[in-house]
Protein backbone atom coordinates (compact mmCIF):
# COMPACT_ATOMS: atom_id res chain seq x y z
CA UNK A 1 24.26 -42.65 15.71
CA UNK A 2 23.06 -45.53 17.84
CA UNK A 3 19.58 -45.41 19.29
CA UNK A 4 19.21 -44.90 23.03
CA UNK A 5 17.43 -47.76 24.85
CA UNK A 6 14.34 -45.59 25.43
CA UNK A 7 14.18 -44.41 21.81
CA UNK A 8 14.70 -47.96 20.57
CA UNK A 9 11.89 -49.18 22.83
CA UNK A 10 9.55 -46.42 21.61
CA UNK A 11 10.43 -47.10 17.97
CA UNK A 12 9.81 -50.84 18.30
CA UNK A 13 6.57 -50.30 20.20
CA UNK A 14 5.08 -47.86 17.69
CA UNK A 15 6.26 -49.90 14.72
CA UNK A 16 4.58 -52.91 16.30
CA UNK A 17 1.32 -50.95 16.67
CA UNK A 18 1.15 -50.36 12.91
CA UNK A 19 2.21 -53.91 12.09
CA UNK A 20 -0.62 -55.05 14.37
CA UNK A 21 -3.29 -53.21 12.36
CA UNK A 22 -5.51 -56.11 11.40
CA UNK A 23 -8.74 -54.17 10.95
CA UNK A 24 -9.81 -50.62 10.20
CA UNK A 25 -12.95 -48.61 10.93
CA UNK A 26 -13.88 -45.78 8.56
CA UNK A 27 -15.98 -43.39 10.61
CA UNK A 28 -17.73 -41.29 8.01
CA UNK A 29 -17.85 -43.21 4.74
CA UNK A 30 -18.62 -40.38 2.35
CA UNK A 31 -16.69 -40.07 -0.87
CA UNK A 32 -13.26 -39.51 0.74
CA UNK A 33 -13.63 -42.06 3.55
CA UNK A 34 -15.13 -44.69 1.28
CA UNK A 35 -12.39 -44.26 -1.33
CA UNK A 36 -9.44 -44.60 1.03
CA UNK A 37 -11.19 -47.34 2.99
CA UNK A 38 -11.76 -49.26 -0.22
CA UNK A 39 -8.07 -48.96 -1.13
CA UNK A 40 -7.07 -50.31 2.29
CA UNK A 41 -9.61 -53.13 2.04
CA UNK A 42 -8.40 -54.04 -1.44
CA UNK A 43 -4.89 -54.40 -0.01
CA UNK A 44 -6.12 -57.22 2.22
CA UNK A 45 -6.91 -55.49 5.52
CA UNK A 46 -10.54 -55.92 6.69
CA UNK A 47 -12.43 -52.61 6.82
CA UNK A 48 -15.81 -51.69 8.29
CA UNK A 49 -17.62 -48.49 7.36
CA UNK A 50 -19.84 -46.14 9.38
CA UNK A 51 -22.35 -43.90 7.63
CA UNK A 52 -25.44 -42.52 9.41
CA UNK A 53 -27.42 -42.80 6.18
CA UNK A 54 -26.45 -46.41 5.41
CA UNK A 55 -29.54 -48.48 4.60
CA UNK A 56 -27.89 -51.74 3.60
CA UNK A 57 -25.41 -53.87 5.55
CA UNK A 58 -23.22 -54.56 2.53
CA UNK A 59 -22.56 -52.20 -0.36
CA UNK A 60 -20.90 -53.03 -3.64
CA UNK A 61 -18.63 -50.02 -3.91
CA UNK A 62 -17.49 -49.28 -7.44
CA UNK A 63 -14.29 -47.23 -7.53
CA UNK A 64 -13.57 -45.26 -10.69
CA UNK A 65 -10.10 -43.86 -10.17
CA UNK A 66 -7.15 -42.39 -12.02
CA UNK A 67 -5.19 -45.01 -10.05
CA UNK A 68 -7.27 -47.86 -11.51
CA UNK A 69 -10.88 -49.03 -11.28
CA UNK A 70 -12.02 -51.79 -8.92
CA UNK A 71 -15.01 -52.95 -6.87
CA UNK A 72 -15.37 -54.30 -3.33
CA UNK A 73 -18.11 -55.61 -1.06
CA UNK A 74 -18.03 -53.26 1.93
CA UNK A 75 -19.77 -53.83 5.29
CA UNK A 76 -21.71 -50.66 6.25
CA UNK A 77 -23.23 -49.67 9.59
CA UNK A 78 -25.46 -46.76 10.55
CA UNK A 79 -24.82 -47.26 14.29
CA UNK A 80 -21.26 -47.36 15.70
CA UNK A 81 -22.40 -49.56 18.58
CA UNK A 82 -22.94 -52.37 16.05
CA UNK A 83 -19.29 -52.20 14.94
CA UNK A 84 -16.30 -54.12 16.26
CA UNK A 85 -13.24 -52.53 17.92
CA UNK A 86 -10.55 -51.69 15.37
CA UNK A 87 -6.81 -51.15 15.46
CA UNK A 88 -7.15 -48.00 13.34
CA UNK A 89 -10.12 -45.63 13.35
CA UNK A 90 -10.15 -43.20 10.43
CA UNK A 91 -12.34 -40.21 11.24
CA UNK A 92 -13.59 -38.87 7.91
CA UNK A 93 -16.95 -37.38 8.86
CA UNK A 94 -17.44 -33.77 7.85
CA UNK A 95 -15.82 -31.39 10.32
CA UNK A 96 -19.08 -29.89 11.56
CA UNK A 97 -20.02 -28.37 14.88
CA UNK A 98 -21.75 -30.54 17.45
CA UNK A 99 -20.37 -33.94 16.41
CA UNK A 100 -20.45 -36.36 19.35
CA UNK A 101 -17.00 -37.86 18.81
CA UNK A 102 -17.08 -39.71 22.12
CA UNK A 103 -20.19 -41.75 21.32
CA UNK A 104 -19.17 -42.19 17.70
CA UNK A 105 -15.65 -43.46 18.34
CA UNK A 106 -15.80 -45.24 21.70
CA UNK A 107 -17.32 -48.48 20.32
CA UNK A 108 -14.50 -48.92 17.78
CA UNK A 109 -11.53 -48.05 20.00
CA UNK A 110 -9.30 -50.33 21.98
CA UNK A 111 -6.76 -49.14 24.54
CA UNK A 112 -4.04 -48.61 21.93
CA UNK A 113 -6.18 -47.99 18.84
CA UNK A 114 -4.78 -45.29 16.55
CA UNK A 115 -7.06 -42.40 15.63
CA UNK A 116 -6.41 -40.86 12.20
CA UNK A 117 -8.27 -37.61 11.69
CA UNK A 118 -8.84 -37.23 7.94
CA UNK A 119 -10.75 -33.97 7.95
CA UNK A 120 -10.62 -30.41 6.68
CA UNK A 121 -9.96 -27.40 8.87
CA UNK A 122 -7.74 -26.85 11.87
CA UNK A 123 -7.76 -27.68 15.61
CA UNK A 124 -9.63 -30.96 15.08
CA UNK A 125 -6.87 -33.13 16.53
CA UNK A 126 -6.83 -31.01 19.68
CA UNK A 127 -10.56 -31.67 20.14
CA UNK A 128 -10.05 -35.42 19.75
CA UNK A 129 -7.10 -35.40 22.18
CA UNK A 130 -9.25 -33.87 24.95
CA UNK A 131 -11.77 -36.71 24.60
CA UNK A 132 -9.42 -39.66 24.07
CA UNK A 133 -6.31 -38.94 26.12
CA UNK A 134 -4.71 -42.38 25.83
CA UNK A 135 -5.03 -43.07 22.09
CA UNK A 136 -2.40 -41.86 19.62
CA UNK A 137 -3.83 -39.09 17.40
CA UNK A 138 -2.52 -38.66 13.86
CA UNK A 139 -3.68 -35.97 11.45
CA UNK A 140 -4.21 -36.58 7.75
CA UNK A 141 -4.80 -34.12 4.91
CA UNK A 142 -6.24 -35.47 1.67
CA UNK A 143 -5.18 -33.42 -1.35
CA UNK A 144 -7.64 -34.93 -3.78
CA UNK A 145 -10.68 -34.53 -6.02
CA UNK A 146 -13.20 -37.24 -5.11
CA UNK A 147 -16.98 -37.24 -5.53
CA UNK A 148 -19.72 -39.77 -4.90
CA UNK A 149 -21.98 -40.68 -7.83
CA UNK A 150 -25.33 -42.53 -7.84
CA UNK A 151 -25.20 -46.31 -7.53
CA UNK A 152 -22.47 -46.43 -4.84
CA UNK A 153 -19.88 -45.18 -7.32
CA UNK A 154 -16.85 -43.31 -5.96
CA UNK A 155 -15.24 -41.11 -8.62
CA UNK A 156 -11.60 -40.28 -7.92
CA UNK A 157 -11.11 -37.52 -10.47
CA UNK A 158 -7.66 -36.08 -9.77
CA UNK A 159 -4.71 -35.98 -7.36
CA UNK A 160 -5.25 -38.19 -4.27
CA UNK A 161 -2.18 -37.90 -2.05
CA UNK A 162 -2.45 -37.78 1.73
CA UNK A 163 -0.04 -35.96 4.03
CA UNK A 164 0.19 -37.17 7.63
CA UNK A 165 1.70 -35.92 10.84
CA UNK A 166 1.38 -36.65 14.55
CA UNK A 167 -0.36 -34.30 16.95
CA UNK A 168 2.36 -35.01 19.52
CA UNK A 169 6.01 -35.45 18.62
CA UNK A 170 6.22 -38.63 20.71
CA UNK A 171 4.09 -40.28 18.02
CA UNK A 172 6.19 -39.18 15.02
CA UNK A 173 7.49 -42.72 14.49
CA UNK A 174 3.95 -44.04 14.56
CA UNK A 175 2.87 -41.49 11.96
CA UNK A 176 5.75 -42.48 9.66
CA UNK A 177 4.85 -46.15 10.02
CA UNK A 178 1.22 -45.36 9.19
CA UNK A 179 2.42 -43.54 6.08
CA UNK A 180 4.19 -46.74 5.02
CA UNK A 181 1.02 -48.79 5.57
CA UNK A 182 -1.03 -46.44 3.37
CA UNK A 183 1.60 -46.51 0.65
CA UNK A 184 1.53 -50.32 0.68
CA UNK A 185 -2.22 -50.03 0.12
CA UNK A 186 -1.57 -48.03 -3.05
CA UNK A 187 -2.37 -44.64 -1.50
CA UNK A 188 0.27 -41.99 -2.18
CA UNK A 189 1.06 -40.79 1.33
CA UNK A 190 3.73 -38.49 2.70
CA UNK A 191 4.98 -37.69 6.19
CA UNK A 192 5.20 -34.16 7.55
CA UNK A 193 7.06 -33.40 10.75
CA UNK A 194 4.82 -30.40 11.48
CA UNK A 195 1.13 -31.32 11.44
CA UNK A 196 0.26 -27.68 12.07
CA UNK A 197 2.04 -26.64 8.87
CA UNK A 198 0.26 -29.38 6.92
CA UNK A 199 -3.06 -28.02 8.16
CA UNK A 200 -2.22 -24.49 6.99
CA UNK A 201 -1.04 -25.78 3.62
CA UNK A 202 -4.40 -27.46 3.07
CA UNK A 203 -6.28 -24.37 4.25
CA UNK A 204 -4.37 -22.37 1.64
CA UNK A 205 -6.54 -24.19 -0.92
CA UNK A 206 -9.71 -24.81 1.07
CA UNK A 207 -10.25 -21.27 2.32
CA UNK A 208 -10.45 -19.60 -1.12
CA UNK A 209 -11.73 -22.31 -3.43
CA UNK A 210 -14.24 -24.09 -1.19
CA UNK A 211 -15.78 -20.85 0.03
CA UNK A 212 -15.84 -18.97 -3.29
CA UNK A 213 -17.35 -21.93 -5.13
CA UNK A 214 -20.50 -21.26 -3.07
CA UNK A 215 -20.29 -17.52 -2.41
CA UNK A 216 -19.78 -16.78 -6.13
CA UNK A 217 -22.91 -18.69 -7.12
CA UNK A 218 -22.20 -22.42 -7.44
CA UNK A 219 -19.09 -22.27 -9.62
CA UNK A 220 -16.33 -24.79 -10.26
CA UNK A 221 -12.63 -24.12 -9.77
CA UNK A 222 -12.02 -23.24 -13.43
CA UNK A 223 -14.58 -20.43 -13.22
CA UNK A 224 -12.83 -18.94 -10.18
CA UNK A 225 -9.49 -19.08 -11.99
CA UNK A 226 -10.91 -17.75 -15.23
CA UNK A 227 -12.61 -14.68 -13.81
CA UNK A 228 -10.11 -11.89 -13.01
CA UNK A 229 -12.11 -10.53 -10.06
CA UNK A 230 -12.72 -13.95 -8.49
CA UNK A 231 -9.13 -15.00 -9.10
CA UNK A 232 -7.89 -11.80 -7.50
CA UNK A 233 -10.15 -12.39 -4.50
CA UNK A 234 -8.93 -15.98 -4.15
CA UNK A 235 -5.30 -14.84 -4.12
CA UNK A 236 -6.09 -12.14 -1.56
CA UNK A 237 -7.67 -14.80 0.67
CA UNK A 238 -4.55 -16.97 0.28
CA UNK A 239 -2.36 -14.04 1.28
CA UNK A 240 -4.47 -13.51 4.40
CA UNK A 241 -4.25 -17.24 5.17
CA UNK A 242 -0.47 -16.99 4.94
CA UNK A 243 -0.47 -14.06 7.38
CA UNK A 244 -2.56 -15.98 9.93
CA UNK A 245 -0.21 -18.95 9.61
CA UNK A 246 2.77 -16.63 10.08
CA UNK A 247 1.25 -15.41 13.35
CA UNK A 248 1.71 -19.00 14.57
CA UNK A 249 5.25 -19.23 13.26
CA UNK A 250 4.28 -21.17 10.10
CA UNK A 251 5.81 -19.88 6.86
CA UNK A 252 3.74 -19.92 3.66
CA UNK A 253 5.58 -18.10 0.90
CA UNK A 254 4.49 -16.27 -2.24
CA UNK A 255 5.94 -19.23 -4.12
CA UNK A 256 3.58 -21.56 -2.22
CA UNK A 257 0.63 -19.41 -3.23
CA UNK A 258 1.70 -19.39 -6.87
CA UNK A 259 2.15 -23.18 -6.81
CA UNK A 260 -1.30 -23.57 -5.25
CA UNK A 261 -2.82 -21.62 -8.14
CA UNK A 262 -0.90 -23.58 -10.77
CA UNK A 263 -1.87 -26.93 -9.26
CA UNK A 264 -5.51 -25.87 -9.37
CA UNK A 265 -5.20 -24.81 -13.01
CA UNK A 266 -4.03 -28.33 -13.84
CA UNK A 267 -7.11 -29.88 -12.24
CA UNK A 268 -10.19 -30.85 -14.17
CA UNK A 269 -13.05 -28.39 -13.48
CA UNK A 270 -13.99 -29.39 -9.96
CA UNK A 271 -17.05 -29.08 -7.75
CA UNK A 272 -15.74 -28.48 -4.24
CA UNK A 273 -17.07 -30.43 -1.27
CA UNK A 274 -18.63 -27.26 0.13
CA UNK A 275 -20.45 -26.64 -3.14
CA UNK A 276 -21.78 -30.21 -3.23
CA UNK A 277 -22.94 -29.97 0.39
CA UNK A 278 -24.77 -26.73 -0.31
CA UNK A 279 -26.45 -28.10 -3.41
CA UNK A 280 -27.67 -31.08 -1.40
CA UNK A 281 -28.88 -28.87 1.48
CA UNK A 282 -26.30 -30.30 3.85
CA UNK A 283 -24.37 -28.21 6.40
CA UNK A 284 -21.10 -26.82 5.08
CA UNK A 285 -17.77 -26.93 6.93
CA UNK A 286 -17.79 -23.16 7.37
CA UNK A 287 -16.50 -23.08 10.95
CA UNK A 288 -13.73 -25.65 10.47
CA UNK A 289 -12.42 -24.10 7.25
CA UNK A 290 -12.98 -20.37 7.90
CA UNK A 291 -14.27 -19.87 11.44
CA UNK A 292 -11.35 -21.48 13.28
CA UNK A 293 -8.66 -19.65 11.26
CA UNK A 294 -10.51 -16.38 11.91
CA UNK A 295 -10.48 -17.07 15.66
CA UNK A 296 -6.71 -17.48 15.45
CA UNK A 297 -6.49 -14.26 13.40
CA UNK A 298 -8.44 -12.29 16.00
CA UNK A 299 -6.35 -13.74 18.83
CA UNK A 300 -3.11 -12.80 17.06
CA UNK A 301 -4.43 -9.48 15.73
CA UNK A 302 -4.18 -10.35 12.04
CA UNK A 303 -6.42 -8.36 9.68
CA UNK A 304 -8.50 -10.55 7.35
CA UNK A 305 -11.03 -8.36 5.52
CA UNK A 306 -11.53 -10.70 2.56
CA UNK A 307 -11.86 -13.97 4.48
CA UNK A 308 -14.08 -12.29 7.07
CA UNK A 309 -16.48 -10.97 4.42
CA UNK A 310 -16.80 -14.32 2.65
CA UNK A 311 -17.19 -16.06 6.03
CA UNK A 312 -20.13 -13.80 6.88
CA UNK A 313 -21.86 -14.69 3.61
CA UNK A 314 -21.30 -18.42 4.04
CA UNK A 315 -22.36 -18.36 7.68
CA UNK A 316 -25.66 -16.77 6.66
CA UNK A 317 -26.41 -19.22 3.88
CA UNK A 318 -25.34 -22.13 6.08
CA UNK A 319 -27.84 -21.12 8.78
CA UNK A 320 -30.68 -20.14 6.50
CA UNK A 321 -33.15 -22.20 4.56
CA UNK A 322 -33.38 -20.03 1.47
CA UNK A 323 -31.93 -22.50 -1.00
CA UNK A 324 -34.54 -24.01 -3.29
CA UNK A 325 -34.08 -26.21 -6.33
CA UNK A 326 -31.32 -25.14 -8.69
CA UNK A 327 -31.50 -21.44 -7.86
CA UNK A 328 -28.82 -19.75 -5.81
CA UNK A 329 -29.40 -16.68 -3.62
CA UNK A 330 -26.38 -14.89 -5.06
CA UNK A 331 -27.22 -15.61 -8.67
CA UNK A 332 -29.76 -13.56 -10.61
CA UNK A 333 -32.69 -15.63 -11.99
């Protein structure tokens, strides 16, 4: 079927926006942001990196990856106002409460700059849209196992694919074009027509495994899977996640839950991001990963006894200062 003049104009305009991406800003260059930024930079597109803790202007990032090892010289900034405007701003800071997105992103945005939110949790794109009403907002979900090691080493341990979708349907073409750009950079990326469904699919993993890795006493994914009680609890939390999603019209089936478990079994024993944050006395993404879904559950009258209990535990430990050394408050000495 032939394109209408308006659709053809929109298609050409959004395709042009991606083709005109000549520089990228990674806003939050932790392990995930630094890895994907390095892949884009290695493909020939200039990339600048923001990290509040950056102490040097140029880092020699060493990427150890199942997709191939490489190194790059990466320009780092600890103040966004020192950065140049970019055609694409990738927001990969932790999804924590109180982030000043306006002051963080304004220096790197042009009128038509694309914002790609590469974060955990749900409702993040809606927050960004309220602040930046004129910039296209795309959501990205990284299904990956990536950690940062000493010496500016990024260790890509397993998986690595990104799924993308547009917050607003009028930017679907733009999202598909951005998927193509990431694939050309060697990043396995897929397009999803429903960003909301992509978010719930990621939460299906993050809600049980991220939270239980901490609540069960600093354990890796293989321990959760190998202990019958923990495994049973993780599945119960997935089932509750599926019911919350269903209250929004998003279908997550029993087959999806089973596949989620099997994919995790195939992973190398993995320290979740929440576990690493807790061990390093950093705030955990408790509200983005559990708090927001629970708000939706309460609004739609969905019972979530298992998620609610684990959320209460994590909220306490996130707000307290009881963690010392290698001990864990839920583990006997």
